[in-house]
Each structure stands twice: as structure tokens, then as C-alpha cells.
């Protein structure tokens, strides 16, 4: 019988080490071979194969690691492949894989206390703050993704509008509020307001102007109408990269409007924020982002950190902390020791127990560098423009929205978009997703992969044309 205190650790560390090294080699093999590994359907019996049964004893490391490598790892989303253009799925970075191993080994809790992992997260936040152009007094916190970051930002916006007592007294006696976003804005805005108790109808969707961005005159009229009706404007959300079409709201002009109207300005930059790193003209899409009160973005999309990792930045660091800080007696800070430290991230968000997400981001930036990240993002914008030009030259497809950055939406003239997407996914040639624009089902390519080349784009589009001609 295993001695108490050693029940769970490997009985044979040497055997564990050999099996672990073999698994690490297989992981690196997969990373190196990503260009040859498209999405493949999972086996019909996979649910049975991975089912956990109470009566089974623990397996040795070699068996478990073999199951990981052979029975689970091959059946991923496929987003590591250079012709994966579906949705906005980041491809991951090799340095991030190694960092995940180190983070899991450390098993650090980044809710607070005084340890090195806190400094790594602080460094990642500060690096991103500088890219955005926010003041040094700004604060931030890593999240699961932009959806959670949006919730945090809107909670802070409510604190500024309603006062600090809202945390204690709630919203029942404070009347209706409004958040403004362009038609087609991400559903996480409405979901955040549902969670906050205001309901999804607190979002007022503002009409698009001709090119698909928020119409500023319509926004001004909506704010005037709501104020006249006794509804308090709480925030305007500027969309940097619409979820369907990839189009950008006028970031700088919205900052002017919000400053004049004294309304919180939040930028939803889930993937589009990272255009700040790109060459001209794409970086111009983000001009003025440093004037926002809050910014939400993801590292697991265009930056390529392994899933999951988002970020919420706020210009007013003091307000950010006041919106969430709660310290019960068992979490009171100490002058020295592990319980010390001036920054406890549990004071800036929802989670007390928090994983070491920052390490994979730090390792990615450290290994790749800002310049190469910027080049990759610029490449993706050029590739989306290339795809747009192929569409306009084709007799089988129509471009349904202009290509602003890295997303291209286009519709087949005489074929079924969903059938085309499915055919290419099953053949392993490319992954496109679908959406609806102007009541047309369209193909949507979101290019966020550092492995993608112009040749990949041309080959994938040629496959679409062949499938369309065959339908």
C-alpha cells in the first residue's frame, strides 16, 4: 500500500520522466508539422473512449500519456493549420506551449500574495498598456477572454455613473441605464448587462453608416432620445473588428463624442486591437484607442498565445480597484512574507483563484518580439486584402463588405455557402466559417495565423472555386 503523503505522486519518477519526455517530443512534432495537420473529424466512439469510470484503477504514466498523444491530441479544432480561416481562432505559439508546462509545474495562484508570477502579469499588462497609449496610472487584469473583460469594464462604468455605493445598495432604485453599440456588435455586451441586472434591452444598437461602422449622428440622436426619456447613458462601446465583417468603428471620433458627452468609452478589441502593431494603413484603424476609458482584447487570437487569455485595461486604475476590491479577514495583507505585496489581482476582477495565464503571453512576446509580431499581423492584413482581390476577380463570388483589416466576407453567386464550407472542412483543404450579411449567407475568412502565406490563401480560394463550380 502506498505510504500516506505519497498516494498521488508517481511511484517511479524515472519512468514518469521517460514517458513525459516522449510526450513532449510528440507535442513538438505536432507543432513542427502543423502545416500538414488540418482539422479532422473526431472518431464516432471518442466519447466512449475518453469516458471516466469509477471502478478503474489509476494507469501508469506511459499509458496515460499515450492516450493523450494518440487518442486526444489529433482531434483538435484545427486552428493551428495555416488554412484555418474560420471564426477567429488563434493558432498558438510554440513558446507558449513550453510556458504552459512551466506554469502548470509552478501551479501559482495569481489572486494575490507576494511571488514572482505577479510580476510577470504586471509586465504583460504594462507592455500592452504602452501599445494602447494609456497613461501610466492605468491598470489591467488578465481574464479568460474579452467577454469577461467587457463585464469588468461595464461594472467600472456603472461605478463611475452611479457612485461607489452601488456595490452595497444595488441598482433597484437607480433607474434605467443605456449602453450603445453598433448593430452587429458582439453578444457579450448584452450578456454582461444581463449578468449585471440591467437586462439585454439596456443595449441600444446604433445604425451603421454606409461602410458598416457606427453612424455618429445616429448615436447622438439615440443619446438625446434616452436622456429625454430619463434613461442614463452609461457607456458607448466602440467595436474594433466586428465579429461578422471585421469592420472598425471610428475609434478616435467616438472618443471625441464620449468626452464631449461625459460617457464612458469602452473599446471591444477582441482581435482588432492588435492592429495597433500593424503597418499603415491598418494601424490607423486604432488611432485614438489610448483615449478610451477601458479596452478589452484577447491574447489568444491575433497574438497567438495558447487558449485562453484575455485582458481588461482601464485608464482609471483607482476606479478599477474600487469596483472590485474586497478583502475578508483571511486575505488581509501583511507587511512582509508571502502575504505581502502591493498588487493583489483579486482586487481587480471576479476571481480569487487565478491561473498563471500571463506566463504564456510573456513567453510569446519574449520569444517572438514586438517587431515580428507586428510583421505577422501586417502579413495577415495583406493576405485578407489579397483574398478580397481574388473574390472581386472571380465570376463565382461577390465581396459583401470591404476588407478593412484581416477579415474577408464574400458570398457565392450560384452555390450554397454552408455546403462549400463543409466540403472544404471535410476534405482538409481549408476552414472557412459562415455568417449572414444583408440577408445573404456568406463565407467568412478571419486570418490570424502567423503560419499563413499568400500561397495558402490562393490555394484555399482555388479549392472554393472548384467546389462552387461542381455544385
Protein backbone atom coordinates (compact mmCIF):
# COMPACT_ATOMS: atom_id res chain seq x y z
CA UNK A 1 0.00 0.00 0.00
CA UNK A 2 1.26 3.47 -0.88
CA UNK A 3 2.63 5.37 2.08
CA UNK A 4 0.41 8.31 3.21
CA UNK A 5 1.65 11.56 1.74
CA UNK A 6 2.79 9.76 -1.42
CA UNK A 7 -0.51 8.40 -2.68
CA UNK A 8 -0.80 10.57 -5.79
CA UNK A 9 2.78 11.25 -6.94
CA UNK A 10 4.31 8.77 -9.42
CA UNK A 11 5.64 5.64 -7.76
CA UNK A 12 8.51 5.60 -10.27
CA UNK A 13 9.79 9.09 -11.11
CA UNK A 14 12.29 7.73 -13.62
CA UNK A 15 9.55 6.03 -15.62
CA UNK A 16 7.42 9.21 -15.38
CA UNK A 17 10.35 11.27 -16.69
CA UNK A 18 10.88 8.96 -19.70
CA UNK A 19 7.17 8.98 -20.58
CA UNK A 20 6.99 12.74 -20.10
CA UNK A 21 9.95 13.36 -22.40
CA UNK A 22 8.37 11.15 -25.04
CA UNK A 23 5.11 13.10 -24.76
CA UNK A 24 6.98 16.41 -25.03
CA UNK A 25 8.66 15.17 -28.21
CA UNK A 26 5.28 14.27 -29.70
CA UNK A 27 3.94 17.73 -28.83
CA UNK A 28 6.87 19.39 -30.57
CA UNK A 29 6.41 17.03 -33.53
CA UNK A 30 2.83 18.26 -33.82
CA UNK A 31 3.89 21.90 -33.65
CA UNK A 32 6.56 21.35 -36.29
CA UNK A 33 4.09 19.50 -38.55
CA UNK A 34 1.20 21.95 -38.12
CA UNK A 35 1.17 22.77 -41.84
CA UNK A 36 0.27 19.13 -42.58
CA UNK A 37 -2.36 18.71 -39.86
CA UNK A 38 -5.76 20.17 -40.81
CA UNK A 39 -8.92 19.60 -38.82
CA UNK A 40 -10.17 16.02 -38.94
CA UNK A 41 -13.46 14.71 -37.55
CA UNK A 42 -13.21 13.02 -34.18
CA UNK A 43 -13.94 9.26 -34.08
CA UNK A 44 -17.56 8.25 -33.62
CA UNK A 45 -16.65 6.37 -30.45
CA UNK A 46 -14.50 9.08 -28.87
CA UNK A 47 -17.00 9.80 -26.08
CA UNK A 48 -16.81 6.16 -25.03
CA UNK A 49 -13.04 6.08 -25.37
CA UNK A 50 -12.46 9.03 -23.02
CA UNK A 51 -15.22 8.23 -20.51
CA UNK A 52 -14.02 8.09 -16.90
CA UNK A 53 -15.18 5.11 -14.84
CA UNK A 54 -15.15 4.98 -11.07
CA UNK A 55 -14.03 1.38 -10.86
CA UNK A 56 -10.91 1.77 -13.00
CA UNK A 57 -7.61 2.00 -11.12
CA UNK A 58 -5.10 4.68 -11.97
CA UNK A 59 -2.99 3.95 -15.05
CA UNK A 60 0.76 4.32 -15.32
CA UNK A 61 2.19 7.48 -16.89
CA UNK A 62 3.18 5.79 -20.15
CA UNK A 63 -0.41 4.61 -20.70
CA UNK A 64 -1.99 7.97 -19.85
CA UNK A 65 0.48 9.95 -21.95
CA UNK A 66 -0.03 7.59 -24.91
CA UNK A 67 -3.77 8.19 -24.65
CA UNK A 68 -3.15 11.94 -24.59
CA UNK A 69 -0.91 11.84 -27.66
CA UNK A 70 -2.77 9.27 -29.74
CA UNK A 71 -6.38 9.44 -28.58
CA UNK A 72 -6.92 13.15 -27.87
CA UNK A 73 -4.26 15.42 -29.39
CA UNK A 74 -5.04 14.63 -33.06
CA UNK A 75 -8.68 15.75 -32.73
CA UNK A 76 -8.20 19.46 -32.12
CA UNK A 77 -10.10 22.36 -33.67
CA UNK A 78 -7.57 22.54 -36.49
CA UNK A 79 -6.77 26.20 -35.86
CA UNK A 80 -3.02 25.54 -35.87
CA UNK A 81 -3.23 24.86 -39.62
CA UNK A 82 -2.30 27.77 -41.94
CA UNK A 83 -5.51 27.44 -43.98
CA UNK A 84 -7.77 27.68 -40.94
CA UNK A 85 -9.75 30.88 -41.57
CA UNK A 86 -12.90 30.00 -39.65
CA UNK A 87 -14.22 32.19 -36.84
CA UNK A 88 -11.30 34.00 -35.13
CA UNK A 89 -9.26 31.18 -33.62
CA UNK A 90 -5.68 31.98 -32.75
CA UNK A 91 -3.07 29.48 -33.81
CA UNK A 92 -0.95 29.32 -30.66
CA UNK A 93 2.79 29.87 -30.36
CA UNK A 94 5.48 27.26 -29.60
CA UNK A 95 6.96 29.33 -26.78
CA UNK A 96 3.51 29.46 -25.22
CA UNK A 97 3.35 25.66 -25.14
CA UNK A 98 6.58 25.49 -23.15
CA UNK A 99 5.36 28.26 -20.85
CA UNK A 100 2.17 26.32 -20.12
CA UNK A 101 4.30 23.43 -18.90
CA UNK A 102 6.25 25.74 -16.60
CA UNK A 103 3.08 27.44 -15.36
CA UNK A 104 1.50 24.09 -14.56
CA UNK A 105 4.66 22.99 -12.76
CA UNK A 106 4.69 26.16 -10.64
CA UNK A 107 0.91 25.89 -10.07
CA UNK A 108 0.88 29.51 -8.90
CA UNK A 109 -2.31 31.27 -7.76
CA UNK A 110 -2.34 34.82 -9.12
CA UNK A 111 -5.18 36.03 -6.94
CA UNK A 112 -2.56 37.76 -4.83
CA UNK A 113 0.31 37.42 -2.36
CA UNK A 114 3.94 38.30 -2.98
CA UNK A 115 5.53 35.97 -5.55
CA UNK A 116 7.21 36.17 -8.92
CA UNK A 117 4.22 35.28 -11.09
CA UNK A 118 2.54 38.54 -10.05
CA UNK A 119 5.42 40.50 -11.57
CA UNK A 120 5.08 38.60 -14.85
CA UNK A 121 1.39 39.50 -15.14
CA UNK A 122 2.22 43.10 -14.24
CA UNK A 123 4.82 43.15 -17.04
CA UNK A 124 2.36 41.80 -19.63
CA UNK A 125 -0.25 44.38 -18.64
CA UNK A 126 2.26 47.22 -18.77
CA UNK A 127 3.54 46.14 -22.19
CA UNK A 128 0.00 46.15 -23.57
CA UNK A 129 -0.79 49.46 -21.88
CA UNK A 130 2.10 51.00 -23.77
CA UNK A 131 0.89 49.61 -27.09
CA UNK A 132 -2.52 51.16 -26.41
CA UNK A 133 -1.13 54.51 -25.33
CA UNK A 134 -2.93 54.54 -21.98
CA UNK A 135 -1.43 56.58 -19.10
CA UNK A 136 0.92 55.01 -16.55
CA UNK A 137 -1.86 55.29 -13.97
CA UNK A 138 -3.92 52.78 -15.94
CA UNK A 139 -4.46 49.27 -14.59
CA UNK A 140 -5.39 45.92 -16.02
CA UNK A 141 -6.06 42.28 -15.35
CA UNK A 142 -5.80 39.13 -17.43
CA UNK A 143 -9.10 37.32 -17.95
CA UNK A 144 -10.50 34.25 -19.65
CA UNK A 145 -11.24 36.42 -22.67
CA UNK A 146 -12.87 39.60 -23.95
CA UNK A 147 -16.32 38.52 -22.78
CA UNK A 148 -15.18 38.59 -19.14
CA UNK A 149 -13.14 41.74 -19.74
CA UNK A 150 -16.22 43.51 -21.10
CA UNK A 151 -18.18 42.63 -17.96
CA UNK A 152 -15.43 44.09 -15.77
CA UNK A 153 -15.26 47.27 -17.83
CA UNK A 154 -19.02 47.85 -17.70
CA UNK A 155 -19.06 47.28 -13.94
CA UNK A 156 -16.49 50.05 -13.57
CA UNK A 157 -18.50 52.27 -15.92
CA UNK A 158 -21.50 51.76 -13.66
CA UNK A 159 -19.47 52.70 -10.59
CA UNK A 160 -18.43 55.96 -12.21
CA UNK A 161 -22.02 56.75 -13.21
CA UNK A 162 -23.83 55.66 -10.05
CA UNK A 163 -21.22 56.05 -7.33
CA UNK A 164 -19.37 53.61 -5.11
CA UNK A 165 -22.48 52.81 -3.04
CA UNK A 166 -23.89 50.78 -5.93
CA UNK A 167 -21.78 47.85 -4.76
CA UNK A 168 -23.59 47.83 -1.43
CA UNK A 169 -27.07 49.07 -2.34
CA UNK A 170 -27.56 47.60 -5.81
CA UNK A 171 -29.39 49.15 -8.75
CA UNK A 172 -33.07 48.76 -7.85
CA UNK A 173 -33.63 52.46 -7.09
CA UNK A 174 -31.23 53.96 -9.63
CA UNK A 175 -33.34 53.90 -12.79
CA UNK A 176 -32.61 52.66 -16.27
CA UNK A 177 -29.24 52.90 -17.99
CA UNK A 178 -28.14 52.54 -21.58
CA UNK A 179 -25.10 51.16 -23.35
CA UNK A 180 -24.65 51.97 -27.04
CA UNK A 181 -23.05 49.70 -29.62
CA UNK A 182 -23.18 49.36 -33.37
CA UNK A 183 -25.63 46.95 -34.99
CA UNK A 184 -23.96 43.54 -35.06
CA UNK A 185 -21.79 44.20 -32.01
CA UNK A 186 -20.67 41.16 -30.05
CA UNK A 187 -23.30 39.45 -27.89
CA UNK A 188 -21.01 39.62 -24.85
CA UNK A 189 -22.12 43.23 -24.32
CA UNK A 190 -25.75 42.21 -23.87
CA UNK A 191 -24.74 39.19 -21.80
CA UNK A 192 -22.71 41.39 -19.45
CA UNK A 193 -25.73 43.63 -18.89
CA UNK A 194 -27.90 40.60 -18.20
CA UNK A 195 -25.44 39.43 -15.56
CA UNK A 196 -25.28 42.94 -14.07
CA UNK A 197 -29.06 43.01 -13.64
CA UNK A 198 -29.89 45.64 -16.27
CA UNK A 199 -31.09 43.20 -18.91
CA UNK A 200 -30.12 42.86 -22.54
CA UNK A 201 -32.56 45.60 -23.53
CA UNK A 202 -30.22 48.07 -21.86
CA UNK A 203 -28.14 47.83 -25.04
CA UNK A 204 -29.22 50.21 -27.78
CA UNK A 205 -27.89 49.14 -31.14
CA UNK A 206 -26.94 52.10 -33.30
CA UNK A 207 -27.37 52.04 -37.07
CA UNK A 208 -24.41 51.53 -39.35
CA UNK A 209 -23.30 54.09 -41.88
CA UNK A 210 -22.78 53.04 -45.49
CA UNK A 211 -19.46 51.25 -44.90
CA UNK A 212 -20.67 49.34 -41.84
CA UNK A 213 -19.27 51.45 -38.97
CA UNK A 214 -21.34 53.11 -36.26
CA UNK A 215 -23.24 56.17 -37.53
CA UNK A 216 -22.20 59.02 -35.22
CA UNK A 217 -25.27 61.11 -36.00
CA UNK A 218 -27.50 58.19 -35.14
CA UNK A 219 -25.54 57.72 -31.91
CA UNK A 220 -26.00 61.37 -30.93
CA UNK A 221 -29.73 61.16 -31.64
CA UNK A 222 -30.04 57.97 -29.57
CA UNK A 223 -28.29 59.57 -26.58
CA UNK A 224 -30.53 62.65 -26.80
CA UNK A 225 -33.66 60.49 -27.02
CA UNK A 226 -32.67 58.41 -24.00
CA UNK A 227 -31.82 61.41 -21.85
CA UNK A 228 -35.15 62.98 -22.71
CA UNK A 229 -36.84 59.74 -21.61
CA UNK A 230 -34.99 59.68 -18.29
CA UNK A 231 -32.60 56.88 -19.30
CA UNK A 232 -28.99 57.46 -18.23
CA UNK A 233 -26.28 56.85 -20.85
CA UNK A 234 -23.66 54.66 -19.16
CA UNK A 235 -21.22 53.65 -21.90
CA UNK A 236 -20.50 53.65 -25.60
CA UNK A 237 -18.79 50.55 -26.98
CA UNK A 238 -16.56 51.06 -29.98
CA UNK A 239 -16.07 47.89 -31.99
CA UNK A 240 -12.55 47.29 -33.27
CA UNK A 241 -13.15 44.41 -35.64
CA UNK A 242 -16.82 43.45 -35.93
CA UNK A 243 -17.44 39.79 -35.20
CA UNK A 244 -19.13 39.18 -38.57
CA UNK A 245 -17.42 41.50 -41.02
CA UNK A 246 -14.23 42.62 -39.28
CA UNK A 247 -15.09 46.29 -39.77
CA UNK A 248 -13.99 49.01 -37.36
CA UNK A 249 -15.96 51.80 -35.76
CA UNK A 250 -14.31 55.27 -35.90
CA UNK A 251 -12.28 54.83 -32.72
CA UNK A 252 -10.92 58.38 -32.47
CA UNK A 253 -14.21 60.09 -33.38
CA UNK A 254 -16.06 58.05 -30.75
CA UNK A 255 -13.51 59.20 -28.18
CA UNK A 256 -14.35 62.81 -29.13
CA UNK A 257 -18.06 62.12 -28.74
CA UNK A 258 -17.76 60.38 -25.38
CA UNK A 259 -15.51 63.10 -24.00
CA UNK A 260 -17.99 65.81 -25.04
CA UNK A 261 -20.97 63.89 -23.63
CA UNK A 262 -19.16 62.63 -20.48
CA UNK A 263 -19.95 58.97 -21.26
CA UNK A 264 -17.67 56.05 -20.50
CA UNK A 265 -15.89 54.87 -23.65
CA UNK A 266 -15.13 51.16 -23.96
CA UNK A 267 -13.32 49.59 -26.93
CA UNK A 268 -14.13 45.97 -27.80
CA UNK A 269 -10.89 44.96 -29.47
CA UNK A 270 -11.10 41.18 -29.08
CA UNK A 271 -8.88 40.72 -32.12
CA UNK A 272 -8.87 44.11 -33.82
CA UNK A 273 -6.99 45.88 -31.04
CA UNK A 274 -3.77 44.29 -32.25
CA UNK A 275 -3.92 46.32 -35.44
CA UNK A 276 -2.06 48.86 -33.28
CA UNK A 277 1.05 46.82 -34.10
CA UNK A 278 0.48 46.70 -37.85
CA UNK A 279 1.89 48.91 -40.57
CA UNK A 280 -0.01 51.83 -42.06
CA UNK A 281 -2.87 51.95 -43.06
CA UNK A 282 -4.06 49.23 -40.71
CA UNK A 283 -2.69 50.75 -37.53
CA UNK A 284 -4.67 53.89 -38.36
CA UNK A 285 -7.86 51.95 -37.66
CA UNK A 286 -6.91 52.07 -33.97
CA UNK A 287 -5.95 55.73 -33.80
CA UNK A 288 -7.32 57.21 -30.58
CA UNK A 289 -7.61 53.92 -28.66
CA UNK A 290 -5.46 55.38 -25.89
CA UNK A 291 -8.29 57.81 -25.14
CA UNK A 292 -10.64 55.00 -24.10
CA UNK A 293 -11.76 54.52 -20.51
CA UNK A 294 -11.45 50.76 -20.95
CA UNK A 295 -10.22 48.29 -23.54
CA UNK A 296 -10.90 44.57 -23.88
CA UNK A 297 -8.79 42.28 -26.03
CA UNK A 298 -7.55 38.71 -26.35
CA UNK A 299 -4.02 37.37 -26.44
CA UNK A 300 -5.29 34.00 -27.69
CA UNK A 301 -6.39 35.41 -31.05
CA UNK A 302 -4.03 37.52 -33.14
CA UNK A 303 -1.08 37.37 -30.73
CA UNK A 304 -1.32 33.57 -30.72
CA UNK A 305 -0.93 32.73 -27.03
CA UNK A 306 -2.43 29.31 -26.27
CA UNK A 307 -6.04 29.41 -25.10
CA UNK A 308 -7.25 31.06 -23.01
CA UNK A 309 -6.14 34.58 -22.14
CA UNK A 310 -7.85 37.95 -22.48
CA UNK A 311 -7.19 41.35 -20.96
CA UNK A 312 -9.13 44.25 -19.50
CA UNK A 313 -7.35 47.61 -19.36
CA UNK A 314 -8.77 50.65 -17.56
CA UNK A 315 -7.45 54.19 -17.71
CA UNK A 316 -8.53 54.96 -14.13
CA UNK A 317 -6.62 52.43 -12.03
CA UNK A 318 -8.11 53.68 -8.76
CA UNK A 319 -11.68 53.30 -10.02
CA UNK A 320 -10.81 49.85 -11.35
CA UNK A 321 -9.68 48.69 -7.91
CA UNK A 322 -12.64 50.28 -6.09
CA UNK A 323 -15.02 48.47 -8.41
CA UNK A 324 -13.90 45.01 -7.28
CA UNK A 325 -11.68 45.07 -4.17
CA UNK A 326 -12.99 43.01 -1.27
CA UNK A 327 -10.68 41.61 1.39
CA UNK A 328 -12.14 39.27 4.02
CA UNK A 329 -10.02 38.80 7.14
CA UNK A 330 -8.22 35.71 5.87
CA UNK A 331 -6.92 37.72 2.91
CA UNK A 332 -5.68 40.75 4.81
CA UNK A 333 -2.28 41.88 3.57
CA UNK A 334 0.89 41.62 5.62
CA UNK A 335 3.92 43.86 5.82
CA UNK A 336 6.33 41.09 4.88
CA UNK A 337 6.34 37.46 3.80
CA UNK A 338 4.15 35.71 1.27
CA UNK A 339 1.08 37.60 2.48
CA UNK A 340 2.65 40.91 1.46
CA UNK A 341 2.83 42.55 -1.92
CA UNK A 342 1.26 45.79 -3.14
CA UNK A 343 -0.70 44.24 -6.00
CA UNK A 344 -3.34 41.57 -5.46
CA UNK A 345 -5.19 40.85 -8.68
CA UNK A 346 -8.26 39.61 -6.81
CA UNK A 347 -8.87 43.35 -6.16
CA UNK A 348 -9.32 43.99 -9.88
CA UNK A 349 -11.70 41.30 -11.11
CA UNK A 350 -14.06 38.45 -10.33
CA UNK A 351 -11.67 35.62 -9.50
CA UNK A 352 -9.81 34.93 -6.30
CA UNK A 353 -8.12 31.79 -7.58
CA UNK A 354 -6.43 32.64 -10.87
CA UNK A 355 -4.09 30.63 -13.05
CA UNK A 356 -0.75 31.80 -14.41
CA UNK A 357 -2.10 32.86 -17.83
CA UNK A 358 0.44 35.64 -18.04
CA UNK A 359 3.41 33.32 -18.49
CA UNK A 360 2.41 32.06 -21.95
CA UNK A 361 1.85 35.63 -23.10
CA UNK A 362 5.14 36.79 -21.62
CA UNK A 363 7.00 33.87 -23.23
CA UNK A 364 5.39 34.55 -26.62
CA UNK A 365 6.31 38.24 -26.59
CA UNK A 366 9.77 37.48 -25.24
CA UNK A 367 10.48 34.75 -27.82
CA UNK A 368 8.99 36.44 -30.88
CA UNK A 369 9.45 40.13 -30.12
CA UNK A 370 7.24 43.06 -30.97
CA UNK A 371 8.70 43.55 -34.45
CA UNK A 372 7.96 40.01 -35.65
CA UNK A 373 4.51 40.05 -34.09
CA UNK A 374 3.84 43.29 -35.94
CA UNK A 375 5.09 41.80 -39.21
CA UNK A 376 2.84 38.77 -38.80
CA UNK A 377 -0.21 40.94 -38.11
CA UNK A 378 0.60 43.10 -41.11
CA UNK A 379 1.00 39.96 -43.25
CA UNK A 380 -2.48 38.79 -42.24
CA UNK A 381 -4.00 42.14 -43.23
CA UNK A 382 -2.28 41.96 -46.61
CA UNK A 383 -3.48 38.38 -47.04
CA UNK A 384 -7.09 39.37 -46.32
CA UNK A 385 -6.73 42.13 -48.91
CA UNK A 386 -5.37 39.53 -51.34
CA UNK A 387 -8.37 37.31 -50.71
CA UNK A 388 -10.66 40.27 -51.30
CA UNK A 389 -9.00 40.93 -54.65
CA UNK A 390 -9.36 37.26 -55.65
CA UNK A 391 -13.06 37.47 -54.82
CA UNK A 392 -13.60 40.61 -56.89
CA UNK A 393 -11.83 38.99 -59.84
CA UNK A 394 -13.93 35.83 -59.59
CA UNK A 395 -17.10 35.22 -61.58
CA UNK A 396 -18.46 32.96 -58.82
CA UNK A 397 -18.35 35.17 -55.70
CA UNK A 398 -19.28 38.65 -54.53
CA UNK A 399 -17.48 40.68 -51.88
CA UNK A 400 -20.21 41.73 -49.44
CA UNK A 401 -18.20 44.17 -47.31
CA UNK A 402 -14.92 45.99 -47.86
CA UNK A 403 -11.85 44.37 -46.33
CA UNK A 404 -10.52 46.73 -43.67
CA UNK A 405 -8.05 44.55 -41.80
CA UNK A 406 -7.91 40.76 -41.54
CA UNK A 407 -11.49 39.62 -42.24
CA UNK A 408 -13.00 38.98 -45.68
CA UNK A 409 -16.71 38.23 -46.17
CA UNK A 410 -17.96 37.07 -49.54
CA UNK A 411 -20.95 35.20 -50.94
CA UNK A 412 -21.25 32.61 -53.71
CA UNK A 413 -23.49 33.64 -56.61
CA UNK A 414 -24.83 30.22 -57.53
CA UNK A 415 -23.74 27.84 -54.77
CA UNK A 416 -24.61 27.18 -51.14
CA UNK A 417 -22.12 28.84 -48.80
CA UNK A 418 -22.67 26.35 -45.98
CA UNK A 419 -22.15 23.39 -48.29
CA UNK A 420 -18.96 24.92 -49.65
CA UNK A 421 -17.56 25.49 -46.16
CA UNK A 422 -18.44 21.94 -45.09
CA UNK A 423 -16.90 20.38 -48.18
CA UNK A 424 -13.56 22.12 -47.66
CA UNK A 425 -13.51 21.31 -43.95
CA UNK A 426 -14.12 17.61 -44.61
CA UNK A 427 -11.54 17.50 -47.39
CA UNK A 428 -8.93 19.07 -45.12
CA UNK A 429 -8.16 21.79 -47.65
CA UNK A 430 -9.27 24.83 -45.64
CA UNK A 431 -11.65 26.00 -42.94
CA UNK A 432 -14.00 28.89 -43.67
CA UNK A 433 -16.92 29.78 -41.43
CA UNK A 434 -20.25 31.28 -42.47
CA UNK A 435 -22.31 34.26 -41.39
CA UNK A 436 -25.19 36.36 -42.69
CA UNK A 437 -24.74 39.82 -44.19
CA UNK A 438 -27.63 41.68 -45.81
CA UNK A 439 -29.74 38.50 -45.51
CA UNK A 440 -27.18 36.56 -47.55
CA UNK A 441 -25.32 33.56 -46.20
CA UNK A 442 -21.68 34.34 -46.73
CA UNK A 443 -18.31 32.72 -46.33
CA UNK A 444 -16.11 34.41 -43.77
CA UNK A 445 -12.34 34.27 -43.59
CA UNK A 446 -10.65 35.64 -40.48
CA UNK A 447 -6.88 35.42 -40.92
CA UNK A 448 -4.98 35.48 -37.61
CA UNK A 449 -2.44 32.73 -38.26
CA UNK A 450 1.27 33.51 -38.27
CA UNK A 451 1.82 30.42 -40.45
CA UNK A 452 -0.46 31.58 -43.27
CA UNK A 453 1.19 32.50 -46.56
CA UNK A 454 -0.13 34.12 -49.75
CA UNK A 455 0.09 30.67 -51.33
CA UNK A 456 -2.23 29.25 -48.65
CA UNK A 457 -4.78 31.95 -49.43
CA UNK A 458 -4.63 31.36 -53.17
CA UNK A 459 -4.82 27.57 -52.79
CA UNK A 460 -7.80 27.75 -50.44
CA UNK A 461 -9.71 30.12 -52.72
CA UNK A 462 -8.97 27.93 -55.74
CA UNK A 463 -10.47 25.00 -53.83
CA UNK A 464 -13.58 27.08 -53.15
CA UNK A 465 -13.92 27.93 -56.84
CA UNK A 466 -13.63 24.26 -57.80
CA UNK A 467 -16.30 23.28 -55.25
CA UNK A 468 -18.58 26.09 -56.35
CA UNK A 469 -18.27 25.07 -59.98
CA UNK A 470 -19.10 21.46 -59.06
CA UNK A 471 -22.30 22.29 -57.13
